[in-house]
Amino acid sequence: VRHELAAGGQPRRVALSPDGRQVLALAWNADERHMSASLWEDGQLVRRSVHSSPEMGWADAAFAPSGERAYWGWNDGRLRALEIPGGRELFDVRVHAQDLRCLAVEPGGEWLVSAGHGQDPDLAQVDAQSGALLRRFGSEGEVAAEILFLGRGPAFAVRSVTGRLTVWSGPEAERPLLLEAGEPVQGL
């Protein structure tokens, strides 16, 4: 993160691996036309990729629970995966039309959920190994701010920018349980 700040960049999101040895930092570069993703292992930069970006957008990053993969995406709607250690790119796939606003990896590491923004606010379930799109979920008219898995999965919750909580019992659920802030979660 200090490296990005020293270069005049604006950090957008930082993810720490489960063992604390790797950091994935996403930053809006000083030229205001590029975003960079930097993977650090044991304090050493091992991979840095820079991508054109017409405007500053949303970004998110997460590590698999095993620590063997790192995932990230931002305003180009693409989801990328890196192998840990070393940072070899495993896949780079488009899962949203615009911004990839947030993402979370399922506790077993088999799949992940990402949320779009702009023209495509829906959720996407993606295979964590191949990057294949498994399913789209409706956003219920809300823009996601955060995705969290409940316990050991597969249930997950999406907190919207308005504070509304949408709880999915798993990837096969047809409809979510909608909650207003402060309501208890029942029926999972």
C-alpha atoms as a PDB file:
ATOM      1  CA  VAL A   1       0.000   0.000   0.000  1.00  0.00           C
ATOM      2  CA  ARG A   2       2.863   2.377   0.817  1.00  0.00           C
ATOM      3  CA  HIS A   3       4.314   1.612  -2.642  1.00  0.00           C
ATOM      4  CA  GLU A   4       1.058   2.689  -4.316  1.00  0.00           C
ATOM      5  CA  LEU A   5       0.859   5.861  -2.213  1.00  0.00           C
ATOM      6  CA  ALA A   6       4.488   6.722  -2.962  1.00  0.00           C
ATOM      7  CA  ALA A   7       3.676   6.475  -6.673  1.00  0.00           C
ATOM      8  CA  GLY A   8       0.803   8.929  -6.169  1.00  0.00           C
ATOM      9  CA  GLY A   9      -1.878   6.253  -6.448  1.00  0.00           C
ATOM     10  CA  GLN A  10      -5.104   6.066  -4.495  1.00  0.00           C
ATOM     11  CA  PRO A  11      -5.621   2.654  -2.862  1.00  0.00           C
ATOM     12  CA  ARG A  12      -9.094   1.299  -3.577  1.00  0.00           C
ATOM     13  CA  ARG A  13      -9.023  -2.085  -1.831  1.00  0.00           C
ATOM     14  CA  VAL A  14      -6.530  -4.271   0.020  1.00  0.00           C
ATOM     15  CA  ALA A  15      -6.930  -7.997   0.787  1.00  0.00           C
ATOM     16  CA  LEU A  16      -4.748 -10.005   3.174  1.00  0.00           C
ATOM     17  CA  SER A  17      -4.199 -13.760   2.745  1.00  0.00           C
ATOM     18  CA  PRO A  18      -5.345 -16.081   5.570  1.00  0.00           C
ATOM     19  CA  ASP A  19      -1.739 -16.706   6.690  1.00  0.00           C
ATOM     20  CA  GLY A  20      -0.834 -13.003   6.447  1.00  0.00           C
ATOM     21  CA  ARG A  21       2.040 -13.569   4.011  1.00  0.00           C
ATOM     22  CA  GLN A  22       0.386 -12.100   0.893  1.00  0.00           C
ATOM     23  CA  VAL A  23      -1.280  -8.783   0.198  1.00  0.00           C
ATOM     24  CA  LEU A  24      -3.255  -7.904  -2.914  1.00  0.00           C
ATOM     25  CA  ALA A  25      -3.562  -4.130  -3.324  1.00  0.00           C
ATOM     26  CA  LEU A  26      -5.796  -2.455  -5.916  1.00  0.00           C
ATOM     27  CA  ALA A  27      -5.102   1.206  -6.662  1.00  0.00           C
ATOM     28  CA  TRP A  28      -6.201   4.010  -8.941  1.00  0.00           C
ATOM     29  CA  ASN A  29      -2.945   5.290 -10.452  1.00  0.00           C
ATOM     30  CA  ALA A  30      -1.772   8.902 -10.282  1.00  0.00           C
ATOM     31  CA  ASP A  31      -2.379   9.435 -14.014  1.00  0.00           C
ATOM     32  CA  GLU A  32      -6.111   8.852 -13.290  1.00  0.00           C
ATOM     33  CA  ARG A  33      -6.441   6.628 -16.381  1.00  0.00           C
ATOM     34  CA  HIS A  34      -5.158   3.302 -15.065  1.00  0.00           C
ATOM     35  CA  MET A  35      -5.845   0.885 -12.241  1.00  0.00           C
ATOM     36  CA  SER A  36      -3.143  -1.416 -10.896  1.00  0.00           C
ATOM     37  CA  ALA A  37      -3.227  -4.693  -9.009  1.00  0.00           C
ATOM     38  CA  SER A  38      -0.113  -5.482  -6.984  1.00  0.00           C
ATOM     39  CA  LEU A  39       0.547  -8.834  -5.329  1.00  0.00           C
ATOM     40  CA  TRP A  40       3.081  -8.826  -2.495  1.00  0.00           C
ATOM     41  CA  GLU A  41       4.495 -11.987  -0.887  1.00  0.00           C
ATOM     42  CA  ASP A  42       6.585 -11.759   2.278  1.00  0.00           C
ATOM     43  CA  GLY A  43       7.084  -8.039   1.645  1.00  0.00           C
ATOM     44  CA  GLN A  44       8.279  -8.463  -1.968  1.00  0.00           C
ATOM     45  CA  LEU A  45       6.364  -7.342  -5.056  1.00  0.00           C
ATOM     46  CA  VAL A  46       5.822 -10.486  -7.183  1.00  0.00           C
ATOM     47  CA  ARG A  47       3.278  -9.252  -9.735  1.00  0.00           C
ATOM     48  CA  ARG A  48       1.879  -5.943 -10.827  1.00  0.00           C
ATOM     49  CA  SER A  49      -0.604  -5.520 -13.625  1.00  0.00           C
ATOM     50  CA  VAL A  50      -1.902  -2.217 -14.937  1.00  0.00           C
ATOM     51  CA  HIS A  51      -5.156  -1.841 -16.833  1.00  0.00           C
ATOM     52  CA  SER A  52      -6.705   1.101 -18.698  1.00  0.00           C
ATOM     53  CA  SER A  53      -9.665   2.575 -16.905  1.00  0.00           C
ATOM     54  CA  PRO A  54     -11.699   5.456 -18.344  1.00  0.00           C
ATOM     55  CA  GLU A  55     -12.878   6.479 -14.878  1.00  0.00           C
ATOM     56  CA  MET A  56     -12.356   5.627 -11.244  1.00  0.00           C
ATOM     57  CA  GLY A  57     -14.756   2.889 -10.255  1.00  0.00           C
ATOM     58  CA  TRP A  58     -15.446   0.237  -7.684  1.00  0.00           C
ATOM     59  CA  ALA A  59     -12.974  -2.502  -6.890  1.00  0.00           C
ATOM     60  CA  ASP A  60     -12.708  -5.499  -4.605  1.00  0.00           C
ATOM     61  CA  ALA A  61     -10.276  -8.293  -3.803  1.00  0.00           C
ATOM     62  CA  ALA A  62     -10.413 -11.475  -1.743  1.00  0.00           C
ATOM     63  CA  PHE A  63      -8.344 -14.561  -1.026  1.00  0.00           C
ATOM     64  CA  ALA A  64      -9.666 -18.117  -1.089  1.00  0.00           C
ATOM     65  CA  PRO A  65      -9.968 -19.542   2.450  1.00  0.00           C
ATOM     66  CA  SER A  66      -7.106 -21.948   1.624  1.00  0.00           C
ATOM     67  CA  GLY A  67      -4.884 -19.011   0.630  1.00  0.00           C
ATOM     68  CA  GLU A  68      -4.058 -20.732  -2.692  1.00  0.00           C
ATOM     69  CA  ARG A  69      -5.817 -18.147  -4.884  1.00  0.00           C
ATOM     70  CA  ALA A  70      -6.517 -14.431  -4.915  1.00  0.00           C
ATOM     71  CA  TYR A  71      -9.456 -12.889  -6.798  1.00  0.00           C
ATOM     72  CA  TRP A  72     -10.020  -9.304  -7.867  1.00  0.00           C
ATOM     73  CA  GLY A  73     -12.059  -7.116 -10.147  1.00  0.00           C
ATOM     74  CA  TRP A  74     -13.059  -3.518 -10.771  1.00  0.00           C
ATOM     75  CA  ASN A  75     -14.876  -1.193 -13.153  1.00  0.00           C
ATOM     76  CA  ASP A  76     -14.254  -3.228 -16.299  1.00  0.00           C
ATOM     77  CA  GLY A  77     -16.621  -5.954 -14.994  1.00  0.00           C
ATOM     78  CA  ARG A  78     -13.899  -8.614 -15.191  1.00  0.00           C
ATOM     79  CA  LEU A  79     -13.014 -11.132 -12.508  1.00  0.00           C
ATOM     80  CA  ARG A  80      -9.400 -12.239 -12.306  1.00  0.00           C
ATOM     81  CA  ALA A  81      -7.742 -15.039 -10.345  1.00  0.00           C
ATOM     82  CA  LEU A  82      -4.098 -15.400  -9.354  1.00  0.00           C
ATOM     83  CA  GLU A  83      -2.302 -18.490  -8.095  1.00  0.00           C
ATOM     84  CA  ILE A  84      -0.634 -18.171  -4.693  1.00  0.00           C
ATOM     85  CA  PRO A  85       2.323 -18.231  -4.337  1.00  0.00           C
ATOM     86  CA  GLY A  86       3.815 -16.646  -7.427  1.00  0.00           C
ATOM     87  CA  GLY A  87       0.902 -14.688  -8.885  1.00  0.00           C
ATOM     88  CA  ARG A  88       0.403 -16.660 -12.112  1.00  0.00           C
ATOM     89  CA  GLU A  89      -2.883 -15.555 -13.703  1.00  0.00           C
ATOM     90  CA  LEU A  90      -5.397 -18.422 -13.712  1.00  0.00           C
ATOM     91  CA  PHE A  91      -8.320 -16.710 -15.417  1.00  0.00           C
ATOM     92  CA  ASP A  92      -9.640 -13.330 -16.529  1.00  0.00           C
ATOM     93  CA  VAL A  93     -13.360 -13.413 -17.354  1.00  0.00           C
ATOM     94  CA  ARG A  94     -16.106 -10.843 -17.819  1.00  0.00           C
ATOM     95  CA  VAL A  95     -18.885 -11.444 -15.293  1.00  0.00           C
ATOM     96  CA  HIS A  96     -20.569  -8.002 -15.259  1.00  0.00           C
ATOM     97  CA  ALA A  97     -21.328  -5.381 -17.918  1.00  0.00           C
ATOM     98  CA  GLN A  98     -19.728  -2.592 -15.868  1.00  0.00           C
ATOM     99  CA  ASP A  99     -18.212  -2.375 -12.399  1.00  0.00           C
ATOM    100  CA  LEU A 100     -17.526  -5.412 -10.286  1.00  0.00           C
ATOM    101  CA  ARG A 101     -18.459  -3.743  -7.027  1.00  0.00           C
ATOM    102  CA  CYS A 102     -17.776  -6.468  -4.435  1.00  0.00           C
ATOM    103  CA  LEU A 103     -17.008 -10.175  -4.156  1.00  0.00           C
ATOM    104  CA  ALA A 104     -16.679 -12.959  -1.586  1.00  0.00           C
ATOM    105  CA  VAL A 105     -15.349 -16.503  -1.763  1.00  0.00           C
ATOM    106  CA  GLU A 106     -17.471 -19.370  -0.417  1.00  0.00           C
ATOM    107  CA  PRO A 107     -15.880 -20.903   2.749  1.00  0.00           C
ATOM    108  CA  GLY A 108     -15.119 -24.183   0.931  1.00  0.00           C
ATOM    109  CA  GLY A 109     -13.358 -22.275  -1.861  1.00  0.00           C
ATOM    110  CA  GLU A 110     -15.415 -23.899  -4.633  1.00  0.00           C
ATOM    111  CA  TRP A 111     -17.268 -20.811  -5.879  1.00  0.00           C
ATOM    112  CA  LEU A 112     -17.620 -17.103  -5.271  1.00  0.00           C
ATOM    113  CA  VAL A 113     -20.262 -14.422  -5.565  1.00  0.00           C
ATOM    114  CA  SER A 114     -19.677 -11.008  -7.127  1.00  0.00           C
ATOM    115  CA  ALA A 115     -21.959  -8.001  -7.463  1.00  0.00           C
ATOM    116  CA  GLY A 116     -22.148  -5.646 -10.398  1.00  0.00           C
ATOM    117  CA  HIS A 117     -22.995  -1.958 -10.470  1.00  0.00           C
ATOM    118  CA  GLY A 118     -24.348   0.511 -12.990  1.00  0.00           C
ATOM    119  CA  GLN A 119     -26.232  -1.176 -15.842  1.00  0.00           C
ATOM    120  CA  ASP A 120     -25.666  -4.596 -14.248  1.00  0.00           C
ATOM    121  CA  PRO A 121     -26.386  -4.610 -10.490  1.00  0.00           C
ATOM    122  CA  ASP A 122     -27.047  -8.364 -10.385  1.00  0.00           C
ATOM    123  CA  LEU A 123     -25.069 -10.965  -8.479  1.00  0.00           C
ATOM    124  CA  ALA A 124     -23.036 -13.647 -10.244  1.00  0.00           C
ATOM    125  CA  GLN A 125     -22.044 -17.062  -8.894  1.00  0.00           C
ATOM    126  CA  VAL A 126     -18.708 -18.078 -10.439  1.00  0.00           C
ATOM    127  CA  ASP A 127     -16.731 -21.329 -10.299  1.00  0.00           C
ATOM    128  CA  ALA A 128     -13.592 -20.505  -8.282  1.00  0.00           C
ATOM    129  CA  GLN A 129     -11.378 -22.919 -10.248  1.00  0.00           C
ATOM    130  CA  SER A 130     -12.308 -22.111 -13.852  1.00  0.00           C
ATOM    131  CA  GLY A 131     -14.030 -18.722 -13.730  1.00  0.00           C
ATOM    132  CA  ALA A 132     -17.123 -20.178 -15.415  1.00  0.00           C
ATOM    133  CA  LEU A 133     -20.367 -18.320 -14.728  1.00  0.00           C
ATOM    134  CA  LEU A 134     -22.632 -20.714 -12.826  1.00  0.00           C
ATOM    135  CA  ARG A 135     -25.666 -18.528 -12.194  1.00  0.00           C
ATOM    136  CA  ARG A 136     -27.005 -14.980 -12.017  1.00  0.00           C
ATOM    137  CA  PHE A 137     -29.064 -13.756  -9.070  1.00  0.00           C
ATOM    138  CA  GLY A 138     -31.432 -10.801  -9.100  1.00  0.00           C
ATOM    139  CA  SER A 139     -30.316  -7.852  -7.010  1.00  0.00           C
ATOM    140  CA  GLU A 140     -33.865  -7.154  -5.813  1.00  0.00           C
ATOM    141  CA  GLY A 141     -33.418  -3.557  -7.002  1.00  0.00           C
ATOM    142  CA  GLU A 142     -30.594  -2.885  -4.555  1.00  0.00           C
ATOM    143  CA  VAL A 143     -26.951  -1.942  -5.178  1.00  0.00           C
ATOM    144  CA  ALA A 144     -24.625  -4.224  -3.210  1.00  0.00           C
ATOM    145  CA  ALA A 145     -22.064  -2.776  -0.818  1.00  0.00           C
ATOM    146  CA  GLU A 146     -20.786  -6.008   0.731  1.00  0.00           C
ATOM    147  CA  ILE A 147     -21.157  -9.792   0.435  1.00  0.00           C
ATOM    148  CA  LEU A 148     -20.630 -12.031   3.479  1.00  0.00           C
ATOM    149  CA  PHE A 149     -20.876 -15.782   3.898  1.00  0.00           C
ATOM    150  CA  LEU A 150     -22.762 -16.957   6.971  1.00  0.00           C
ATOM    151  CA  GLY A 151     -20.862 -19.555   8.975  1.00  0.00           C
ATOM    152  CA  ARG A 152     -19.362 -22.285   6.843  1.00  0.00           C
ATOM    153  CA  GLY A 153     -21.729 -21.629   3.914  1.00  0.00           C
ATOM    154  CA  PRO A 154     -23.449 -21.981   1.585  1.00  0.00           C
ATOM    155  CA  ALA A 155     -25.760 -19.226   2.907  1.00  0.00           C
ATOM    156  CA  PHE A 156     -24.630 -15.678   2.199  1.00  0.00           C
ATOM    157  CA  ALA A 157     -25.862 -12.171   2.822  1.00  0.00           C
ATOM    158  CA  VAL A 158     -25.668  -9.063   0.649  1.00  0.00           C
ATOM    159  CA  ARG A 159     -25.748  -5.688   2.388  1.00  0.00           C
ATOM    160  CA  SER A 160     -26.918  -2.915   0.079  1.00  0.00           C
ATOM    161  CA  VAL A 161     -25.798   0.700   0.057  1.00  0.00           C
ATOM    162  CA  THR A 162     -29.136   1.558   1.698  1.00  0.00           C
ATOM    163  CA  GLY A 163     -28.562  -0.924   4.559  1.00  0.00           C
ATOM    164  CA  ARG A 164     -31.015  -3.540   3.334  1.00  0.00           C
ATOM    165  CA  LEU A 165     -29.912  -7.131   3.922  1.00  0.00           C
ATOM    166  CA  THR A 166     -30.675  -9.854   1.386  1.00  0.00           C
ATOM    167  CA  VAL A 167     -29.982 -13.386   2.641  1.00  0.00           C
ATOM    168  CA  TRP A 168     -29.632 -16.308   0.223  1.00  0.00           C
ATOM    169  CA  SER A 169     -29.833 -19.813   1.727  1.00  0.00           C
ATOM    170  CA  GLY A 170     -27.415 -21.031  -0.948  1.00  0.00           C
ATOM    171  CA  PRO A 171     -26.685 -20.903  -4.671  1.00  0.00           C
ATOM    172  CA  GLU A 172     -29.731 -23.009  -5.556  1.00  0.00           C
ATOM    173  CA  ALA A 173     -32.212 -20.732  -3.749  1.00  0.00           C
ATOM    174  CA  GLU A 174     -34.897 -19.333  -6.034  1.00  0.00           C
ATOM    175  CA  ARG A 175     -35.656 -16.273  -3.907  1.00  0.00           C
ATOM    176  CA  PRO A 176     -33.828 -14.492  -1.109  1.00  0.00           C
ATOM    177  CA  LEU A 177     -35.027 -13.591   2.344  1.00  0.00           C
ATOM    178  CA  LEU A 178     -35.253  -9.783   2.474  1.00  0.00           C
ATOM    179  CA  LEU A 179     -34.586  -8.026   5.753  1.00  0.00           C
ATOM    180  CA  GLU A 180     -34.597  -4.470   6.939  1.00  0.00           C
ATOM    181  CA  ALA A 181     -31.767  -3.368   9.216  1.00  0.00           C
ATOM    182  CA  GLY A 182     -32.135  -4.844  12.703  1.00  0.00           C
ATOM    183  CA  GLU A 183     -34.484  -7.736  11.831  1.00  0.00           C
ATOM    184  CA  PRO A 184     -33.423 -11.189  13.107  1.00  0.00           C
ATOM    185  CA  VAL A 185     -32.481 -13.830  10.519  1.00  0.00           C
ATOM    186  CA  GLN A 186     -34.691 -16.915  10.772  1.00  0.00           C
ATOM    187  CA  GLY A 187     -35.249 -19.969   8.632  1.00  0.00           C
ATOM    188  CA  LEU A 188     -31.712 -20.730   7.466  1.00  0.00           C
END
